[in-house]
N, C-alpha and C. Protein backbone atom coordinates (compact mmCIF):
# COMPACT_ATOMS: atom_id res chain seq x y z
N UNK A 1 68.91 -182.69 -41.60
CA UNK A 1 68.10 -183.69 -40.90
C UNK A 1 67.73 -184.82 -41.85
N UNK A 2 68.63 -185.22 -42.67
CA UNK A 2 68.38 -186.22 -43.70
C UNK A 2 67.77 -187.48 -43.13
N UNK A 3 66.50 -187.71 -43.42
CA UNK A 3 65.82 -188.93 -43.02
C UNK A 3 65.25 -188.91 -41.61
N UNK A 4 65.43 -187.86 -40.87
CA UNK A 4 64.89 -187.78 -39.52
C UNK A 4 63.62 -186.95 -39.53
N UNK A 5 62.63 -187.39 -38.79
CA UNK A 5 61.34 -186.71 -38.81
C UNK A 5 61.30 -185.47 -37.93
N UNK A 6 62.12 -185.47 -36.92
CA UNK A 6 62.12 -184.31 -36.02
C UNK A 6 63.52 -184.08 -35.48
N UNK A 7 63.71 -182.92 -34.91
CA UNK A 7 64.99 -182.57 -34.30
C UNK A 7 65.26 -183.49 -33.12
N UNK A 8 64.21 -183.88 -32.40
CA UNK A 8 64.38 -184.78 -31.26
C UNK A 8 64.90 -186.14 -31.67
N UNK A 9 64.38 -186.67 -32.81
CA UNK A 9 64.87 -187.95 -33.31
C UNK A 9 66.34 -187.86 -33.69
N UNK A 10 66.70 -186.76 -34.33
CA UNK A 10 68.10 -186.55 -34.72
C UNK A 10 69.00 -186.47 -33.49
N UNK A 11 68.57 -185.73 -32.48
CA UNK A 11 69.38 -185.57 -31.27
C UNK A 11 69.53 -186.91 -30.54
N UNK A 12 68.48 -187.70 -30.49
CA UNK A 12 68.54 -189.02 -29.84
C UNK A 12 69.54 -189.91 -30.57
N UNK A 13 69.48 -189.90 -31.91
CA UNK A 13 70.41 -190.71 -32.69
C UNK A 13 71.85 -190.26 -32.45
N UNK A 14 72.09 -188.98 -32.48
CA UNK A 14 73.45 -188.46 -32.31
C UNK A 14 74.01 -188.81 -30.93
N UNK A 15 73.19 -188.73 -29.90
CA UNK A 15 73.69 -189.04 -28.56
C UNK A 15 74.06 -190.51 -28.43
N UNK A 16 73.25 -191.40 -29.01
CA UNK A 16 73.56 -192.83 -28.96
C UNK A 16 74.76 -193.15 -29.84
N UNK A 17 74.76 -192.60 -31.06
CA UNK A 17 75.84 -192.86 -32.01
C UNK A 17 77.19 -192.41 -31.45
N UNK A 18 77.24 -191.24 -30.85
CA UNK A 18 78.52 -190.74 -30.33
C UNK A 18 79.04 -191.60 -29.19
N UNK A 19 78.14 -192.10 -28.35
CA UNK A 19 78.57 -192.98 -27.27
C UNK A 19 79.14 -194.29 -27.82
N UNK A 20 78.48 -194.85 -28.83
CA UNK A 20 78.98 -196.09 -29.43
C UNK A 20 80.28 -195.86 -30.19
N UNK A 21 80.38 -194.75 -30.88
CA UNK A 21 81.60 -194.45 -31.62
C UNK A 21 82.77 -194.32 -30.66
N UNK A 22 82.57 -193.66 -29.54
CA UNK A 22 83.64 -193.51 -28.56
C UNK A 22 84.08 -194.86 -28.01
N UNK A 23 83.16 -195.82 -27.96
CA UNK A 23 83.51 -197.15 -27.48
C UNK A 23 84.38 -197.88 -28.50
N UNK A 24 84.01 -197.81 -29.78
CA UNK A 24 84.67 -198.63 -30.79
C UNK A 24 85.92 -198.02 -31.42
N UNK A 25 86.06 -196.70 -31.43
CA UNK A 25 87.22 -196.07 -32.06
C UNK A 25 88.35 -196.00 -31.04
N UNK A 26 89.53 -196.51 -31.41
CA UNK A 26 90.64 -196.46 -30.45
C UNK A 26 91.06 -195.02 -30.16
N UNK A 27 91.67 -194.79 -29.01
CA UNK A 27 92.12 -193.43 -28.65
C UNK A 27 93.07 -192.88 -29.70
N UNK A 28 93.03 -191.57 -29.91
CA UNK A 28 93.87 -190.92 -30.90
C UNK A 28 95.24 -190.62 -30.30
N UNK A 29 96.07 -191.60 -30.38
CA UNK A 29 97.46 -191.46 -29.97
C UNK A 29 98.26 -192.47 -30.78
N UNK A 30 99.53 -192.30 -30.79
CA UNK A 30 100.34 -193.25 -31.55
C UNK A 30 100.29 -194.61 -30.86
N UNK A 31 99.70 -195.56 -31.57
CA UNK A 31 99.57 -196.91 -31.02
C UNK A 31 100.11 -197.91 -32.03
N UNK A 32 100.59 -198.99 -31.50
CA UNK A 32 101.05 -200.07 -32.38
C UNK A 32 99.84 -200.84 -32.89
N UNK A 33 100.06 -201.62 -33.90
CA UNK A 33 98.99 -202.46 -34.43
C UNK A 33 98.46 -203.41 -33.37
N UNK A 34 99.35 -203.92 -32.54
CA UNK A 34 98.95 -204.83 -31.48
C UNK A 34 98.05 -204.14 -30.47
N UNK A 35 98.38 -202.91 -30.10
CA UNK A 35 97.56 -202.17 -29.13
C UNK A 35 96.17 -201.91 -29.69
N UNK A 36 96.08 -201.58 -30.97
CA UNK A 36 94.78 -201.35 -31.60
C UNK A 36 93.98 -202.65 -31.64
N UNK A 37 94.64 -203.74 -31.96
CA UNK A 37 93.97 -205.05 -32.00
C UNK A 37 93.44 -205.43 -30.62
N UNK A 38 94.22 -205.23 -29.60
CA UNK A 38 93.78 -205.52 -28.23
C UNK A 38 92.59 -204.64 -27.86
N UNK A 39 92.61 -203.38 -28.26
CA UNK A 39 91.48 -202.48 -28.01
C UNK A 39 90.22 -203.02 -28.67
N UNK A 40 90.34 -203.50 -29.91
CA UNK A 40 89.19 -204.04 -30.63
C UNK A 40 88.64 -205.29 -29.95
N UNK A 41 89.52 -206.15 -29.48
CA UNK A 41 89.08 -207.37 -28.80
C UNK A 41 88.35 -207.02 -27.51
N UNK A 42 88.89 -206.10 -26.72
CA UNK A 42 88.25 -205.69 -25.47
C UNK A 42 86.90 -205.03 -25.74
N UNK A 43 86.85 -204.20 -26.78
CA UNK A 43 85.62 -203.52 -27.13
C UNK A 43 84.53 -204.52 -27.49
N UNK A 44 84.87 -205.50 -28.31
CA UNK A 44 83.87 -206.49 -28.71
C UNK A 44 83.42 -207.33 -27.50
N UNK A 45 84.32 -207.61 -26.58
CA UNK A 45 83.95 -208.35 -25.37
C UNK A 45 82.96 -207.53 -24.53
N UNK A 46 83.22 -206.23 -24.40
CA UNK A 46 82.30 -205.36 -23.67
C UNK A 46 80.96 -205.29 -24.37
N UNK A 47 80.98 -205.16 -25.71
CA UNK A 47 79.75 -205.05 -26.48
C UNK A 47 78.91 -206.32 -26.32
N UNK A 48 79.55 -207.48 -26.40
CA UNK A 48 78.83 -208.75 -26.25
C UNK A 48 78.27 -208.90 -24.84
N UNK A 49 78.99 -208.42 -23.83
CA UNK A 49 78.50 -208.50 -22.46
C UNK A 49 77.27 -207.61 -22.28
N UNK A 50 77.29 -206.43 -22.87
CA UNK A 50 76.18 -205.49 -22.71
C UNK A 50 74.96 -205.96 -23.49
N UNK A 51 75.17 -206.45 -24.71
CA UNK A 51 74.04 -206.83 -25.57
C UNK A 51 73.57 -208.26 -25.31
N UNK A 52 74.38 -209.05 -24.62
CA UNK A 52 74.00 -210.43 -24.36
C UNK A 52 74.22 -211.31 -25.56
N UNK A 53 75.07 -210.89 -26.49
CA UNK A 53 75.35 -211.68 -27.69
C UNK A 53 76.14 -212.93 -27.31
N UNK A 54 75.83 -214.02 -27.99
CA UNK A 54 76.52 -215.26 -27.69
C UNK A 54 77.61 -215.59 -28.69
N UNK A 55 77.55 -215.04 -29.87
CA UNK A 55 78.55 -215.36 -30.89
C UNK A 55 79.29 -214.13 -31.33
């Protein structure tokens, strides 16, 4: 529990972190560099839409 005050704080962090990681990490399959790049572009577009980021 390095740096977490309670088990609940740790569990909350893990649940949010795993959801974000699943969004940003490309699927584990043989992909070309272009497919990974397209995944990254789509992911950032989704992230900006959700967070309301302008840049």
